[in-house]
Amino acid sequence: MMASNRAHLQKRFTTAYLLLRMLQAAVLIVFLVASLLFTGGQVAAKGAPIWGAVLDYPLFVLPGWLMLAVSALGVLMVVPVLSLARLTDAGRVVGAFSATAAATAASFFFAWSSPVDPSSGLRWVAACTDGAVLVILLVVAGVIAYRSDRARAREGLPLWTEMDADDER
């Protein structure tokens, strides 16, 4: 019973974490598409419109405090995701890594491309925090995926990764 509660909590925390991180990536996609359509393709403060702009760049600026709050929330949410993870959760942990990679790219893009203002430093802190979480997830996801593959191979189950399958050919 205790293991099923842990697994249930791990699934819930991972789902909430994935939603948060994918929201960060979705904001970047909206920004880039809207910039292509309305600001003449200008996506950075140092750039210029490539074609006729309907609206001035930037369409919106994410406040540094908001980016830092989302980043801090991500840090708080990844702790139970990782602390509750077992070898059977390898797919979810690797998925959390992938979503964090997209969110980190979005954070660094917004820190780099936004006009310099008083909250620019907070944007960079948020991006670096997301980057640190990404590195931690890289290590943890790699270890869990490797150990999970070894355990699954011993049981004759399909592997999460195809590293060993390439060696057998």
C-alpha atoms as a PDB file:
ATOM      1  CA  MET A   1       0.000   0.000   0.000  1.00  0.00           C
ATOM      2  CA  MET A   2       2.846   2.350   0.871  1.00  0.00           C
ATOM      3  CA  ALA A   3       4.539   1.841  -2.506  1.00  0.00           C
ATOM      4  CA  SER A   4       1.336   2.642  -4.387  1.00  0.00           C
ATOM      5  CA  ASN A   5       0.947   5.889  -2.416  1.00  0.00           C
ATOM      6  CA  ARG A   6       4.520   6.818  -3.294  1.00  0.00           C
ATOM      7  CA  ALA A   7       3.943   6.002  -6.954  1.00  0.00           C
ATOM      8  CA  HIS A   8       0.700   7.978  -6.978  1.00  0.00           C
ATOM      9  CA  LEU A   9       2.377  11.016  -5.417  1.00  0.00           C
ATOM     10  CA  GLN A  10       5.317  10.742  -7.800  1.00  0.00           C
ATOM     11  CA  LYS A  11       2.957  10.682 -10.793  1.00  0.00           C
ATOM     12  CA  ARG A  12       1.026  13.711  -9.531  1.00  0.00           C
ATOM     13  CA  PHE A  13       4.137  15.772  -8.793  1.00  0.00           C
ATOM     14  CA  THR A  14       5.679  14.822 -12.118  1.00  0.00           C
ATOM     15  CA  THR A  15       2.513  15.766 -14.007  1.00  0.00           C
ATOM     16  CA  ALA A  16       2.322  19.148 -12.266  1.00  0.00           C
ATOM     17  CA  TYR A  17       6.041  19.715 -12.882  1.00  0.00           C
ATOM     18  CA  LEU A  18       5.706  18.818 -16.570  1.00  0.00           C
ATOM     19  CA  LEU A  19       2.771  21.208 -16.969  1.00  0.00           C
ATOM     20  CA  LEU A  20       4.744  24.052 -15.408  1.00  0.00           C
ATOM     21  CA  ARG A  21       7.801  23.452 -17.569  1.00  0.00           C
ATOM     22  CA  MET A  22       5.822  22.962 -20.776  1.00  0.00           C
ATOM     23  CA  LEU A  23       3.981  26.219 -20.055  1.00  0.00           C
ATOM     24  CA  GLN A  24       7.351  27.980 -20.082  1.00  0.00           C
ATOM     25  CA  ALA A  25       8.170  26.465 -23.470  1.00  0.00           C
ATOM     26  CA  ALA A  26       4.689  27.312 -24.796  1.00  0.00           C
ATOM     27  CA  VAL A  27       5.171  30.975 -23.876  1.00  0.00           C
ATOM     28  CA  LEU A  28       8.340  30.996 -25.990  1.00  0.00           C
ATOM     29  CA  ILE A  29       6.512  29.446 -28.945  1.00  0.00           C
ATOM     30  CA  VAL A  30       3.717  32.019 -28.685  1.00  0.00           C
ATOM     31  CA  PHE A  31       6.293  34.810 -28.480  1.00  0.00           C
ATOM     32  CA  LEU A  32       8.229  33.598 -31.517  1.00  0.00           C
ATOM     33  CA  VAL A  33       5.159  33.013 -33.704  1.00  0.00           C
ATOM     34  CA  ALA A  34       3.608  36.342 -32.702  1.00  0.00           C
ATOM     35  CA  SER A  35       6.917  38.103 -33.366  1.00  0.00           C
ATOM     36  CA  LEU A  36       7.075  36.580 -36.824  1.00  0.00           C
ATOM     37  CA  LEU A  37       3.532  37.697 -37.552  1.00  0.00           C
ATOM     38  CA  PHE A  38       3.387  41.123 -35.906  1.00  0.00           C
ATOM     39  CA  THR A  39       6.880  42.569 -35.357  1.00  0.00           C
ATOM     40  CA  GLY A  40       8.306  41.749 -38.749  1.00  0.00           C
ATOM     41  CA  GLY A  41      10.302  38.798 -37.486  1.00  0.00           C
ATOM     42  CA  GLN A  42      12.208  40.750 -34.828  1.00  0.00           C
ATOM     43  CA  VAL A  43      12.837  38.445 -31.876  1.00  0.00           C
ATOM     44  CA  ALA A  44      15.550  40.326 -29.954  1.00  0.00           C
ATOM     45  CA  ALA A  45      15.945  43.862 -28.649  1.00  0.00           C
ATOM     46  CA  LYS A  46      19.216  44.265 -30.583  1.00  0.00           C
ATOM     47  CA  GLY A  47      17.627  43.171 -33.861  1.00  0.00           C
ATOM     48  CA  ALA A  48      15.476  44.962 -36.378  1.00  0.00           C
ATOM     49  CA  PRO A  49      12.343  43.990 -38.292  1.00  0.00           C
ATOM     50  CA  ILE A  50      13.079  41.831 -41.320  1.00  0.00           C
ATOM     51  CA  TRP A  51       9.866  42.890 -43.058  1.00  0.00           C
ATOM     52  CA  GLY A  52       7.075  45.355 -42.387  1.00  0.00           C
ATOM     53  CA  ALA A  53       6.125  45.335 -38.720  1.00  0.00           C
ATOM     54  CA  VAL A  54       2.521  45.749 -37.658  1.00  0.00           C
ATOM     55  CA  LEU A  55       3.451  46.275 -33.998  1.00  0.00           C
ATOM     56  CA  ASP A  56       6.620  47.447 -32.287  1.00  0.00           C
ATOM     57  CA  TYR A  57       8.996  44.976 -30.663  1.00  0.00           C
ATOM     58  CA  PRO A  58       8.578  43.537 -28.047  1.00  0.00           C
ATOM     59  CA  LEU A  59       5.019  42.298 -28.067  1.00  0.00           C
ATOM     60  CA  PHE A  60       5.387  41.513 -24.378  1.00  0.00           C
ATOM     61  CA  VAL A  61       8.186  41.412 -21.854  1.00  0.00           C
ATOM     62  CA  LEU A  62       8.188  38.811 -19.147  1.00  0.00           C
ATOM     63  CA  PRO A  63       8.930  40.486 -15.827  1.00  0.00           C
ATOM     64  CA  GLY A  64      12.013  39.141 -14.108  1.00  0.00           C
ATOM     65  CA  TRP A  65      10.134  38.536 -10.875  1.00  0.00           C
ATOM     66  CA  LEU A  66       7.630  36.309 -12.717  1.00  0.00           C
ATOM     67  CA  MET A  67      10.362  34.299 -14.398  1.00  0.00           C
ATOM     68  CA  LEU A  68      12.172  33.902 -11.070  1.00  0.00           C
ATOM     69  CA  ALA A  69       8.940  32.853  -9.315  1.00  0.00           C
ATOM     70  CA  VAL A  70       8.258  30.189 -11.957  1.00  0.00           C
ATOM     71  CA  SER A  71      11.855  29.000 -11.738  1.00  0.00           C
ATOM     72  CA  ALA A  72      11.693  28.786  -7.927  1.00  0.00           C
ATOM     73  CA  LEU A  73       8.389  26.911  -8.162  1.00  0.00           C
ATOM     74  CA  GLY A  74      10.083  24.492 -10.551  1.00  0.00           C
ATOM     75  CA  VAL A  75      12.883  23.912  -8.043  1.00  0.00           C
ATOM     76  CA  LEU A  76      10.345  23.231  -5.291  1.00  0.00           C
ATOM     77  CA  MET A  77       8.373  20.862  -7.511  1.00  0.00           C
ATOM     78  CA  VAL A  78      11.346  18.881  -8.835  1.00  0.00           C
ATOM     79  CA  VAL A  79      12.434  17.893  -5.327  1.00  0.00           C
ATOM     80  CA  PRO A  80       9.512  15.481  -4.734  1.00  0.00           C
ATOM     81  CA  VAL A  81       9.668  14.332  -8.361  1.00  0.00           C
ATOM     82  CA  LEU A  82      13.236  13.164  -7.801  1.00  0.00           C
ATOM     83  CA  SER A  83      12.992  12.090  -4.180  1.00  0.00           C
ATOM     84  CA  LEU A  84       9.981   9.862  -4.875  1.00  0.00           C
ATOM     85  CA  ALA A  85      11.413   8.396  -8.106  1.00  0.00           C
ATOM     86  CA  ARG A  86      12.302   4.724  -8.344  1.00  0.00           C
ATOM     87  CA  LEU A  87      13.682   2.684 -11.235  1.00  0.00           C
ATOM     88  CA  THR A  88      10.150   2.055 -12.479  1.00  0.00           C
ATOM     89  CA  ASP A  89       9.719   5.830 -12.868  1.00  0.00           C
ATOM     90  CA  ALA A  90      12.560   6.167 -15.393  1.00  0.00           C
ATOM     91  CA  GLY A  91      10.248   7.265 -18.206  1.00  0.00           C
ATOM     92  CA  ARG A  92       8.744  10.054 -16.128  1.00  0.00           C
ATOM     93  CA  VAL A  93      12.120  11.303 -14.902  1.00  0.00           C
ATOM     94  CA  VAL A  94      13.516  11.351 -18.445  1.00  0.00           C
ATOM     95  CA  GLY A  95      10.353  13.205 -19.515  1.00  0.00           C
ATOM     96  CA  ALA A  96      10.943  15.727 -16.739  1.00  0.00           C
ATOM     97  CA  PHE A  97      14.458  16.231 -18.082  1.00  0.00           C
ATOM     98  CA  SER A  98      13.123  16.838 -21.609  1.00  0.00           C
ATOM     99  CA  ALA A  99      10.524  19.348 -20.427  1.00  0.00           C
ATOM    100  CA  THR A 100      13.137  21.102 -18.308  1.00  0.00           C
ATOM    101  CA  ALA A 101      15.433  21.363 -21.328  1.00  0.00           C
ATOM    102  CA  ALA A 102      12.664  23.145 -23.264  1.00  0.00           C
ATOM    103  CA  ALA A 103      11.897  25.422 -20.314  1.00  0.00           C
ATOM    104  CA  THR A 104      15.578  26.234 -19.808  1.00  0.00           C
ATOM    105  CA  ALA A 105      15.948  27.157 -23.466  1.00  0.00           C
ATOM    106  CA  ALA A 106      12.936  29.450 -23.104  1.00  0.00           C
ATOM    107  CA  SER A 107      14.357  31.058 -19.953  1.00  0.00           C
ATOM    108  CA  PHE A 108      17.730  31.755 -21.541  1.00  0.00           C
ATOM    109  CA  PHE A 109      16.063  33.067 -24.691  1.00  0.00           C
ATOM    110  CA  PHE A 110      13.926  35.548 -22.743  1.00  0.00           C
ATOM    111  CA  ALA A 111      16.894  36.629 -20.599  1.00  0.00           C
ATOM    112  CA  TRP A 112      18.958  37.231 -23.758  1.00  0.00           C
ATOM    113  CA  SER A 113      16.317  38.762 -26.013  1.00  0.00           C
ATOM    114  CA  SER A 114      14.436  41.046 -23.641  1.00  0.00           C
ATOM    115  CA  PRO A 115      15.220  44.743 -23.494  1.00  0.00           C
ATOM    116  CA  VAL A 116      17.548  45.727 -20.671  1.00  0.00           C
ATOM    117  CA  ASP A 117      15.474  46.955 -17.759  1.00  0.00           C
ATOM    118  CA  PRO A 118      15.669  46.802 -13.952  1.00  0.00           C
ATOM    119  CA  SER A 119      14.462  43.180 -13.905  1.00  0.00           C
ATOM    120  CA  SER A 120      17.030  41.893 -16.427  1.00  0.00           C
ATOM    121  CA  GLY A 121      19.175  40.461 -13.639  1.00  0.00           C
ATOM    122  CA  LEU A 122      16.243  38.487 -12.277  1.00  0.00           C
ATOM    123  CA  ARG A 123      15.667  36.984 -15.735  1.00  0.00           C
ATOM    124  CA  TRP A 124      19.282  35.792 -15.833  1.00  0.00           C
ATOM    125  CA  VAL A 125      19.035  34.364 -12.300  1.00  0.00           C
ATOM    126  CA  ALA A 126      15.888  32.469 -13.358  1.00  0.00           C
ATOM    127  CA  ALA A 127      17.612  31.145 -16.476  1.00  0.00           C
ATOM    128  CA  CYS A 128      20.666  30.002 -14.512  1.00  0.00           C
ATOM    129  CA  THR A 129      18.436  28.366 -11.883  1.00  0.00           C
ATOM    130  CA  ASP A 130      16.583  26.487 -14.620  1.00  0.00           C
ATOM    131  CA  GLY A 131      19.958  25.502 -16.069  1.00  0.00           C
ATOM    132  CA  ALA A 132      21.115  24.129 -12.707  1.00  0.00           C
ATOM    133  CA  VAL A 133      17.923  22.053 -12.404  1.00  0.00           C
ATOM    134  CA  LEU A 134      18.543  20.797 -15.945  1.00  0.00           C
ATOM    135  CA  VAL A 135      22.053  19.608 -15.050  1.00  0.00           C
ATOM    136  CA  ILE A 136      20.771  17.858 -11.916  1.00  0.00           C
ATOM    137  CA  LEU A 137      18.010  16.188 -13.919  1.00  0.00           C
ATOM    138  CA  LEU A 138      20.519  15.147 -16.584  1.00  0.00           C
ATOM    139  CA  VAL A 139      22.566  13.286 -14.002  1.00  0.00           C
ATOM    140  CA  VAL A 140      19.600  11.775 -12.143  1.00  0.00           C
ATOM    141  CA  ALA A 141      17.700  10.822 -15.318  1.00  0.00           C
ATOM    142  CA  GLY A 142      20.836   9.284 -16.794  1.00  0.00           C
ATOM    143  CA  VAL A 143      21.521   7.199 -13.700  1.00  0.00           C
ATOM    144  CA  ILE A 144      17.901   6.085 -13.318  1.00  0.00           C
ATOM    145  CA  ALA A 145      17.563   5.242 -17.025  1.00  0.00           C
ATOM    146  CA  TYR A 146      20.818   3.266 -16.988  1.00  0.00           C
ATOM    147  CA  ARG A 147      19.894   1.344 -13.842  1.00  0.00           C
ATOM    148  CA  SER A 148      16.363   0.772 -15.124  1.00  0.00           C
ATOM    149  CA  ASP A 149      17.725  -0.619 -18.396  1.00  0.00           C
ATOM    150  CA  ARG A 150      19.968  -3.017 -16.498  1.00  0.00           C
ATOM    151  CA  ALA A 151      17.090  -4.185 -14.308  1.00  0.00           C
ATOM    152  CA  ARG A 152      14.760  -4.550 -17.295  1.00  0.00           C
ATOM    153  CA  ALA A 153      17.400  -6.506 -19.228  1.00  0.00           C
ATOM    154  CA  ARG A 154      17.793  -8.937 -16.316  1.00  0.00           C
ATOM    155  CA  GLU A 155      14.021  -9.507 -16.415  1.00  0.00           C
ATOM    156  CA  GLY A 156      13.928  -9.844 -20.204  1.00  0.00           C
ATOM    157  CA  LEU A 157      11.817  -6.702 -20.658  1.00  0.00           C
ATOM    158  CA  PRO A 158      12.289  -4.093 -23.424  1.00  0.00           C
ATOM    159  CA  LEU A 159      14.832  -1.408 -22.585  1.00  0.00           C
ATOM    160  CA  TRP A 160      14.064   2.280 -22.089  1.00  0.00           C
ATOM    161  CA  THR A 161      17.004   3.162 -24.275  1.00  0.00           C
ATOM    162  CA  GLU A 162      18.334   1.358 -27.281  1.00  0.00           C
ATOM    163  CA  MET A 163      22.028   1.561 -26.326  1.00  0.00           C
ATOM    164  CA  ASP A 164      22.371  -2.190 -25.703  1.00  0.00           C
ATOM    165  CA  ALA A 165      20.273  -3.095 -28.769  1.00  0.00           C
ATOM    166  CA  ASP A 166      22.809  -1.374 -31.051  1.00  0.00           C
ATOM    167  CA  ASP A 167      25.644  -3.393 -29.512  1.00  0.00           C
ATOM    168  CA  GLU A 168      23.916  -6.718 -30.268  1.00  0.00           C
ATOM    169  CA  ARG A 169      23.592  -6.047 -34.014  1.00  0.00           C
END
